[in-house]
Amino acid sequence: MTEGWFNDNYWALCDDEKEATQVTALYGLADYFPDYLIVGLRGWDDFILGNRQSRYFTVPTVPLDEQYLEPFDFPA
């Protein structure tokens, strides 16, 4: 993982797909979002998820519910 501050947010981003797959399994995300991988964390509260179409989303870590899934673009 690559970690650090950008503006007012702390970021932790997976370095590659292998790591994203491991983190996804560790958190049991497939039970809730089977078509997504965890690619990182924004702050301490939001997972950053990626899907097979290379689109990104955020979802709160708690409650982990599809109704809170929002499209996400990484800042430049």
PDB file of N, CA and C in Angstrom:
ATOM      1  N   MET A   1       0.838  -1.182   0.000  1.00  0.00           N
ATOM      2  CA  MET A   1       0.000   0.000   0.000  1.00  0.00           C
ATOM      3  C   MET A   1       0.881   1.243   0.000  1.00  0.00           C
ATOM      4  N   THR A   2       0.388   2.225  -0.709  1.00  0.00           N
ATOM      5  CA  THR A   2       1.001   3.539  -0.671  1.00  0.00           C
ATOM      6  C   THR A   2       0.094   4.424   0.172  1.00  0.00           C
ATOM      7  N   GLU A   3       0.661   5.056   1.189  1.00  0.00           N
ATOM      8  CA  GLU A   3      -0.137   5.846   2.121  1.00  0.00           C
ATOM      9  C   GLU A   3       0.407   7.257   2.239  1.00  0.00           C
ATOM     10  N   GLY A   4      -0.494   8.194   2.526  1.00  0.00           N
ATOM     11  CA  GLY A   4      -0.044   9.553   2.759  1.00  0.00           C
ATOM     12  C   GLY A   4      -1.187  10.549   2.695  1.00  0.00           C
ATOM     13  N   TRP A   5      -0.851  11.797   2.978  1.00  0.00           N
ATOM     14  CA  TRP A   5      -1.819  12.885   2.978  1.00  0.00           C
ATOM     15  C   TRP A   5      -1.863  13.572   1.629  1.00  0.00           C
ATOM     16  N   PHE A   6      -3.060  13.937   1.194  1.00  0.00           N
ATOM     17  CA  PHE A   6      -3.266  14.795   0.032  1.00  0.00           C
ATOM     18  C   PHE A   6      -4.363  15.762   0.417  1.00  0.00           C
ATOM     19  N   ASN A   7      -4.043  17.050   0.422  1.00  0.00           N
ATOM     20  CA  ASN A   7      -4.956  18.078   0.951  1.00  0.00           C
ATOM     21  C   ASN A   7      -5.351  17.691   2.371  1.00  0.00           C
ATOM     22  N   ASP A   8      -6.620  17.614   2.659  1.00  0.00           N
ATOM     23  CA  ASP A   8      -7.058  17.312   4.027  1.00  0.00           C
ATOM     24  C   ASP A   8      -7.406  15.846   4.246  1.00  0.00           C
ATOM     25  N   ASN A   9      -7.142  14.996   3.277  1.00  0.00           N
ATOM     26  CA  ASN A   9      -7.505  13.577   3.395  1.00  0.00           C
ATOM     27  C   ASN A   9      -6.271  12.695   3.485  1.00  0.00           C
ATOM     28  N   TYR A  10      -6.401  11.652   4.278  1.00  0.00           N
ATOM     29  CA  TYR A  10      -5.380  10.614   4.334  1.00  0.00           C
ATOM     30  C   TYR A  10      -5.800   9.524   3.355  1.00  0.00           C
ATOM     31  N   TRP A  11      -4.866   9.067   2.534  1.00  0.00           N
ATOM     32  CA  TRP A  11      -5.138   8.071   1.523  1.00  0.00           C
ATOM     33  C   TRP A  11      -4.279   6.839   1.763  1.00  0.00           C
ATOM     34  N   ALA A  12      -4.856   5.675   1.501  1.00  0.00           N
ATOM     35  CA  ALA A  12      -4.116   4.416   1.469  1.00  0.00           C
ATOM     36  C   ALA A  12      -4.572   3.706   0.202  1.00  0.00           C
ATOM     37  N   LEU A  13      -3.664   3.536  -0.756  1.00  0.00           N
ATOM     38  CA  LEU A  13      -4.016   2.974  -2.059  1.00  0.00           C
ATOM     39  C   LEU A  13      -3.228   1.698  -2.323  1.00  0.00           C
ATOM     40  N   CYS A  14      -3.912   0.692  -2.832  1.00  0.00           N
ATOM     41  CA  CYS A  14      -3.251  -0.563  -3.193  1.00  0.00           C
ATOM     42  C   CYS A  14      -2.279  -0.308  -4.333  1.00  0.00           C
ATOM     43  N   ASP A  15      -1.162  -1.005  -4.307  1.00  0.00           N
ATOM     44  CA  ASP A  15      -0.127  -0.812  -5.308  1.00  0.00           C
ATOM     45  C   ASP A  15      -0.408  -1.543  -6.621  1.00  0.00           C
ATOM     46  N   ASP A  16      -1.202  -2.628  -6.554  1.00  0.00           N
ATOM     47  CA  ASP A  16      -1.496  -3.390  -7.769  1.00  0.00           C
ATOM     48  C   ASP A  16      -2.750  -4.241  -7.545  1.00  0.00           C
ATOM     49  N   GLU A  17      -3.165  -4.936  -8.590  1.00  0.00           N
ATOM     50  CA  GLU A  17      -4.391  -5.741  -8.519  1.00  0.00           C
ATOM     51  C   GLU A  17      -4.254  -6.896  -7.529  1.00  0.00           C
ATOM     52  N   LYS A  18      -3.077  -7.470  -7.434  1.00  0.00           N
ATOM     53  CA  LYS A  18      -2.857  -8.563  -6.481  1.00  0.00           C
ATOM     54  C   LYS A  18      -3.127  -8.086  -5.055  1.00  0.00           C
ATOM     55  N   GLU A  19      -2.589  -6.941  -4.714  1.00  0.00           N
ATOM     56  CA  GLU A  19      -2.815  -6.400  -3.372  1.00  0.00           C
ATOM     57  C   GLU A  19      -4.286  -6.044  -3.175  1.00  0.00           C
ATOM     58  N   ALA A  20      -4.932  -5.472  -4.192  1.00  0.00           N
ATOM     59  CA  ALA A  20      -6.351  -5.137  -4.094  1.00  0.00           C
ATOM     60  C   ALA A  20      -7.186  -6.394  -3.861  1.00  0.00           C
ATOM     61  N   THR A  21      -6.833  -7.482  -4.523  1.00  0.00           N
ATOM     62  CA  THR A  21      -7.542  -8.755  -4.335  1.00  0.00           C
ATOM     63  C   THR A  21      -7.358  -9.266  -2.907  1.00  0.00           C
ATOM     64  N   GLN A  22      -6.156  -9.149  -2.375  1.00  0.00           N
ATOM     65  CA  GLN A  22      -5.888  -9.592  -0.999  1.00  0.00           C
ATOM     66  C   GLN A  22      -6.662  -8.750   0.015  1.00  0.00           C
ATOM     67  N   VAL A  23      -6.659  -7.433  -0.154  1.00  0.00           N
ATOM     68  CA  VAL A  23      -7.366  -6.543   0.768  1.00  0.00           C
ATOM     69  C   VAL A  23      -8.872  -6.805   0.694  1.00  0.00           C
ATOM     70  N   THR A  24      -9.380  -7.006  -0.507  1.00  0.00           N
ATOM     71  CA  THR A  24     -10.802  -7.294  -0.692  1.00  0.00           C
ATOM     72  C   THR A  24     -11.188  -8.562   0.056  1.00  0.00           C
ATOM     73  N   ALA A  25     -10.367  -9.597  -0.047  1.00  0.00           N
ATOM     74  CA  ALA A  25     -10.633 -10.854   0.665  1.00  0.00           C
ATOM     75  C   ALA A  25     -10.540 -10.660   2.176  1.00  0.00           C
ATOM     76  N   LEU A  26      -9.541  -9.910   2.619  1.00  0.00           N
ATOM     77  CA  LEU A  26      -9.345  -9.668   4.047  1.00  0.00           C
ATOM     78  C   LEU A  26     -10.578  -9.026   4.687  1.00  0.00           C
ATOM     79  N   TYR A  27     -11.183  -8.070   3.978  1.00  0.00           N
ATOM     80  CA  TYR A  27     -12.353  -7.374   4.506  1.00  0.00           C
ATOM     81  C   TYR A  27     -13.665  -8.081   4.178  1.00  0.00           C
ATOM     82  N   GLY A  28     -13.646  -9.178   3.431  1.00  0.00           N
ATOM     83  CA  GLY A  28     -14.864  -9.906   3.105  1.00  0.00           C
ATOM     84  C   GLY A  28     -15.820  -9.116   2.221  1.00  0.00           C
ATOM     85  N   LEU A  29     -15.271  -8.246   1.393  1.00  0.00           N
ATOM     86  CA  LEU A  29     -16.115  -7.377   0.575  1.00  0.00           C
ATOM     87  C   LEU A  29     -16.992  -8.152  -0.410  1.00  0.00           C
ATOM     88  N   ALA A  30     -16.515  -9.301  -0.885  1.00  0.00           N
ATOM     89  CA  ALA A  30     -17.271 -10.065  -1.881  1.00  0.00           C
ATOM     90  C   ALA A  30     -18.643 -10.481  -1.358  1.00  0.00           C
ATOM     91  N   ASP A  31     -18.808 -10.564  -0.050  1.00  0.00           N
ATOM     92  CA  ASP A  31     -20.114 -10.893   0.530  1.00  0.00           C
ATOM     93  C   ASP A  31     -21.126  -9.779   0.297  1.00  0.00           C
ATOM     94  N   TYR A  32     -20.641  -8.547   0.123  1.00  0.00           N
ATOM     95  CA  TYR A  32     -21.509  -7.379  -0.029  1.00  0.00           C
ATOM     96  C   TYR A  32     -21.491  -6.824  -1.452  1.00  0.00           C
ATOM     97  N   PHE A  33     -20.319  -6.826  -2.077  1.00  0.00           N
ATOM     98  CA  PHE A  33     -20.114  -6.259  -3.412  1.00  0.00           C
ATOM     99  C   PHE A  33     -19.272  -7.239  -4.239  1.00  0.00           C
ATOM    100  N   PRO A  34     -19.880  -8.279  -4.775  1.00  0.00           N
ATOM    101  CA  PRO A  34     -19.095  -9.335  -5.431  1.00  0.00           C
ATOM    102  C   PRO A  34     -18.352  -8.895  -6.691  1.00  0.00           C
ATOM    103  N   ASP A  35     -18.744  -7.820  -7.323  1.00  0.00           N
ATOM    104  CA  ASP A  35     -18.113  -7.404  -8.571  1.00  0.00           C
ATOM    105  C   ASP A  35     -17.122  -6.250  -8.405  1.00  0.00           C
ATOM    106  N   TYR A  36     -16.668  -6.014  -7.181  1.00  0.00           N
ATOM    107  CA  TYR A  36     -15.784  -4.880  -6.897  1.00  0.00           C
ATOM    108  C   TYR A  36     -14.535  -5.345  -6.153  1.00  0.00           C
ATOM    109  N   LEU A  37     -13.468  -4.552  -6.289  1.00  0.00           N
ATOM    110  CA  LEU A  37     -12.254  -4.728  -5.492  1.00  0.00           C
ATOM    111  C   LEU A  37     -12.032  -3.462  -4.676  1.00  0.00           C
ATOM    112  N   ILE A  38     -11.509  -3.619  -3.481  1.00  0.00           N
ATOM    113  CA  ILE A  38     -11.078  -2.464  -2.700  1.00  0.00           C
ATOM    114  C   ILE A  38      -9.735  -2.015  -3.282  1.00  0.00           C
ATOM    115  N   VAL A  39      -9.688  -0.797  -3.776  1.00  0.00           N
ATOM    116  CA  VAL A  39      -8.420  -0.280  -4.308  1.00  0.00           C
ATOM    117  C   VAL A  39      -7.772   0.696  -3.338  1.00  0.00           C
ATOM    118  N   GLY A  40      -8.508   1.081  -2.279  1.00  0.00           N
ATOM    119  CA  GLY A  40      -7.919   1.966  -1.301  1.00  0.00           C
ATOM    120  C   GLY A  40      -8.913   2.464  -0.277  1.00  0.00           C
ATOM    121  N   LEU A  41      -8.405   3.351   0.572  1.00  0.00           N
ATOM    122  CA  LEU A  41      -9.201   4.036   1.592  1.00  0.00           C
ATOM    123  C   LEU A  41      -9.006   5.530   1.444  1.00  0.00           C
ATOM    124  N   ARG A  42     -10.085   6.268   1.616  1.00  0.00           N
ATOM    125  CA  ARG A  42     -10.006   7.731   1.646  1.00  0.00           C
ATOM    126  C   ARG A  42     -10.388   8.142   3.057  1.00  0.00           C
ATOM    127  N   GLY A  43      -9.454   8.829   3.709  1.00  0.00           N
ATOM    128  CA  GLY A  43      -9.682   9.134   5.118  1.00  0.00           C
ATOM    129  C   GLY A  43      -9.704   7.819   5.879  1.00  0.00           C
ATOM    130  N   TRP A  44     -10.467   7.794   6.911  1.00  0.00           N
ATOM    131  CA  TRP A  44     -10.586   6.552   7.695  1.00  0.00           C
ATOM    132  C   TRP A  44     -11.974   5.955   7.523  1.00  0.00           C
ATOM    133  N   ASP A  45     -12.810   6.609   6.706  1.00  0.00           N
ATOM    134  CA  ASP A  45     -14.220   6.234   6.682  1.00  0.00           C
ATOM    135  C   ASP A  45     -14.714   5.618   5.385  1.00  0.00           C
ATOM    136  N   ASP A  46     -14.004   5.799   4.276  1.00  0.00           N
ATOM    137  CA  ASP A  46     -14.534   5.375   2.985  1.00  0.00           C
ATOM    138  C   ASP A  46     -13.604   4.416   2.254  1.00  0.00           C
ATOM    139  N   PHE A  47     -14.181   3.293   1.798  1.00  0.00           N
ATOM    140  CA  PHE A  47     -13.476   2.432   0.867  1.00  0.00           C
ATOM    141  C   PHE A  47     -13.544   3.070  -0.510  1.00  0.00           C
ATOM    142  N   ILE A  48     -12.497   2.926  -1.295  1.00  0.00           N
ATOM    143  CA  ILE A  48     -12.524   3.246  -2.718  1.00  0.00           C
ATOM    144  C   ILE A  48     -12.571   1.901  -3.427  1.00  0.00           C
ATOM    145  N   LEU A  49     -13.608   1.705  -4.225  1.00  0.00           N
ATOM    146  CA  LEU A  49     -13.822   0.438  -4.919  1.00  0.00           C
ATOM    147  C   LEU A  49     -13.630   0.624  -6.415  1.00  0.00           C
ATOM    148  N   GLY A  50     -13.177  -0.410  -7.075  1.00  0.00           N
ATOM    149  CA  GLY A  50     -13.079  -0.421  -8.526  1.00  0.00           C
ATOM    150  C   GLY A  50     -13.859  -1.601  -9.063  1.00  0.00           C
ATOM    151  N   ASN A  51     -14.457  -1.429 -10.255  1.00  0.00           N
ATOM    152  CA  ASN A  51     -15.168  -2.542 -10.868  1.00  0.00           C
ATOM    153  C   ASN A  51     -14.442  -2.995 -12.131  1.00  0.00           C
ATOM    154  N   ARG A  52     -15.001  -3.965 -12.813  1.00  0.00           N
ATOM    155  CA  ARG A  52     -14.366  -4.545 -14.001  1.00  0.00           C
ATOM    156  C   ARG A  52     -14.299  -3.574 -15.177  1.00  0.00           C
ATOM    157  N   GLN A  53     -15.123  -2.541 -15.158  1.00  0.00           N
ATOM    158  CA  GLN A  53     -15.118  -1.545 -16.225  1.00  0.00           C
ATOM    159  C   GLN A  53     -14.185  -0.375 -15.912  1.00  0.00           C
ATOM    160  N   SER A  54     -13.327  -0.535 -14.905  1.00  0.00           N
ATOM    161  CA  SER A  54     -12.377   0.498 -14.476  1.00  0.00           C
ATOM    162  C   SER A  54     -13.072   1.776 -14.035  1.00  0.00           C
ATOM    163  N   ARG A  55     -14.219   1.635 -13.423  1.00  0.00           N
ATOM    164  CA  ARG A  55     -14.913   2.764 -12.807  1.00  0.00           C
ATOM    165  C   ARG A  55     -14.681   2.676 -11.306  1.00  0.00           C
ATOM    166  N   TYR A  56     -14.657   3.832 -10.663  1.00  0.00           N
ATOM    167  CA  TYR A  56     -14.372   3.880  -9.236  1.00  0.00           C
ATOM    168  C   TYR A  56     -15.550   4.452  -8.470  1.00  0.00           C
ATOM    169  N   PHE A  57     -15.664   3.989  -7.216  1.00  0.00           N
ATOM    170  CA  PHE A  57     -16.765   4.371  -6.347  1.00  0.00           C
ATOM    171  C   PHE A  57     -16.246   4.480  -4.926  1.00  0.00           C
ATOM    172  N   THR A  58     -16.964   5.232  -4.106  1.00  0.00           N
ATOM    173  CA  THR A  58     -16.702   5.220  -2.668  1.00  0.00           C
ATOM    174  C   THR A  58     -17.932   4.661  -1.974  1.00  0.00           C
ATOM    175  N   VAL A  59     -17.685   4.089  -0.821  1.00  0.00           N
ATOM    176  CA  VAL A  59     -18.760   3.599   0.033  1.00  0.00           C
ATOM    177  C   VAL A  59     -18.239   3.676   1.469  1.00  0.00           C
ATOM    178  N   PRO A  60     -19.072   4.129   2.403  1.00  0.00           N
ATOM    179  CA  PRO A  60     -18.614   4.152   3.796  1.00  0.00           C
ATOM    180  C   PRO A  60     -18.245   2.742   4.267  1.00  0.00           C
ATOM    181  N   THR A  61     -17.235   2.671   5.105  1.00  0.00           N
ATOM    182  CA  THR A  61     -16.860   1.368   5.655  1.00  0.00           C
ATOM    183  C   THR A  61     -17.952   0.846   6.581  1.00  0.00           C
ATOM    184  N   VAL A  62     -18.672   1.757   7.223  1.00  0.00           N
ATOM    185  CA  VAL A  62     -19.803   1.405   8.092  1.00  0.00           C
ATOM    186  C   VAL A  62     -20.875   2.463   7.904  1.00  0.00           C
ATOM    187  N   PRO A  63     -22.081   2.126   7.543  1.00  0.00           N
ATOM    188  CA  PRO A  63     -22.541   0.791   7.178  1.00  0.00           C
ATOM    189  C   PRO A  63     -22.128   0.466   5.746  1.00  0.00           C
ATOM    190  N   LEU A  64     -21.723  -0.745   5.526  1.00  0.00           N
ATOM    191  CA  LEU A  64     -21.319  -1.204   4.199  1.00  0.00           C
ATOM    192  C   LEU A  64     -22.572  -1.643   3.465  1.00  0.00           C
ATOM    193  N   ASP A  65     -23.159  -0.697   2.736  1.00  0.00           N
ATOM    194  CA  ASP A  65     -24.455  -0.927   2.106  1.00  0.00           C
ATOM    195  C   ASP A  65     -24.459  -0.311   0.710  1.00  0.00           C
ATOM    196  N   GLU A  66     -25.002  -1.033  -0.249  1.00  0.00           N
ATOM    197  CA  GLU A  66     -24.999  -0.596  -1.647  1.00  0.00           C
ATOM    198  C   GLU A  66     -25.697   0.740  -1.858  1.00  0.00           C
ATOM    199  N   GLN A  67     -26.653   1.081  -0.999  1.00  0.00           N
ATOM    200  CA  GLN A  67     -27.357   2.354  -1.176  1.00  0.00           C
ATOM    201  C   GLN A  67     -26.441   3.565  -1.015  1.00  0.00           C
ATOM    202  N   TYR A  68     -25.278   3.382  -0.401  1.00  0.00           N
ATOM    203  CA  TYR A  68     -24.344   4.481  -0.180  1.00  0.00           C
ATOM    204  C   TYR A  68     -23.207   4.523  -1.210  1.00  0.00           C
ATOM    205  N   LEU A  69     -23.245   3.628  -2.196  1.00  0.00           N
ATOM    206  CA  LEU A  69     -22.230   3.592  -3.239  1.00  0.00           C
ATOM    207  C   LEU A  69     -22.346   4.843  -4.107  1.00  0.00           C
ATOM    208  N   GLU A  70     -21.223   5.576  -4.268  1.00  0.00           N
ATOM    209  CA  GLU A  70     -21.217   6.812  -5.065  1.00  0.00           C
ATOM    210  C   GLU A  70     -20.065   6.794  -6.057  1.00  0.00           C
ATOM    211  N   PRO A  71     -20.297   7.298  -7.275  1.00  0.00           N
ATOM    212  CA  PRO A  71     -19.203   7.396  -8.250  1.00  0.00           C
ATOM    213  C   PRO A  71     -18.070   8.252  -7.683  1.00  0.00           C
ATOM    214  N   PHE A  72     -16.843   7.928  -8.095  1.00  0.00           N
ATOM    215  CA  PHE A  72     -15.676   8.622  -7.553  1.00  0.00           C
ATOM    216  C   PHE A  72     -14.647   8.845  -8.653  1.00  0.00           C
ATOM    217  N   ASP A  73     -14.051  10.008  -8.678  1.00  0.00           N
ATOM    218  CA  ASP A  73     -12.916  10.320  -9.541  1.00  0.00           C
ATOM    219  C   ASP A  73     -11.748  10.726  -8.647  1.00  0.00           C
ATOM    220  N   PHE A  74     -10.596  10.161  -8.916  1.00  0.00           N
ATOM    221  CA  PHE A  74      -9.407  10.536  -8.158  1.00  0.00           C
ATOM    222  C   PHE A  74      -9.054  11.985  -8.461  1.00  0.00           C
ATOM    223  N   PRO A  75      -8.621  12.740  -7.434  1.00  0.00           N
ATOM    224  CA  PRO A  75      -8.204  14.118  -7.695  1.00  0.00           C
ATOM    225  C   PRO A  75      -6.931  14.132  -8.538  1.00  0.00           C
ATOM    226  N   ALA A  76      -6.798  15.172  -9.323  1.00  0.00           N
ATOM    227  CA  ALA A  76      -5.616  15.280 -10.199  1.00  0.00           C
ATOM    228  C   ALA A  76      -4.375  15.569  -9.376  1.00  0.00           C
TER     229      ALA A  76
END
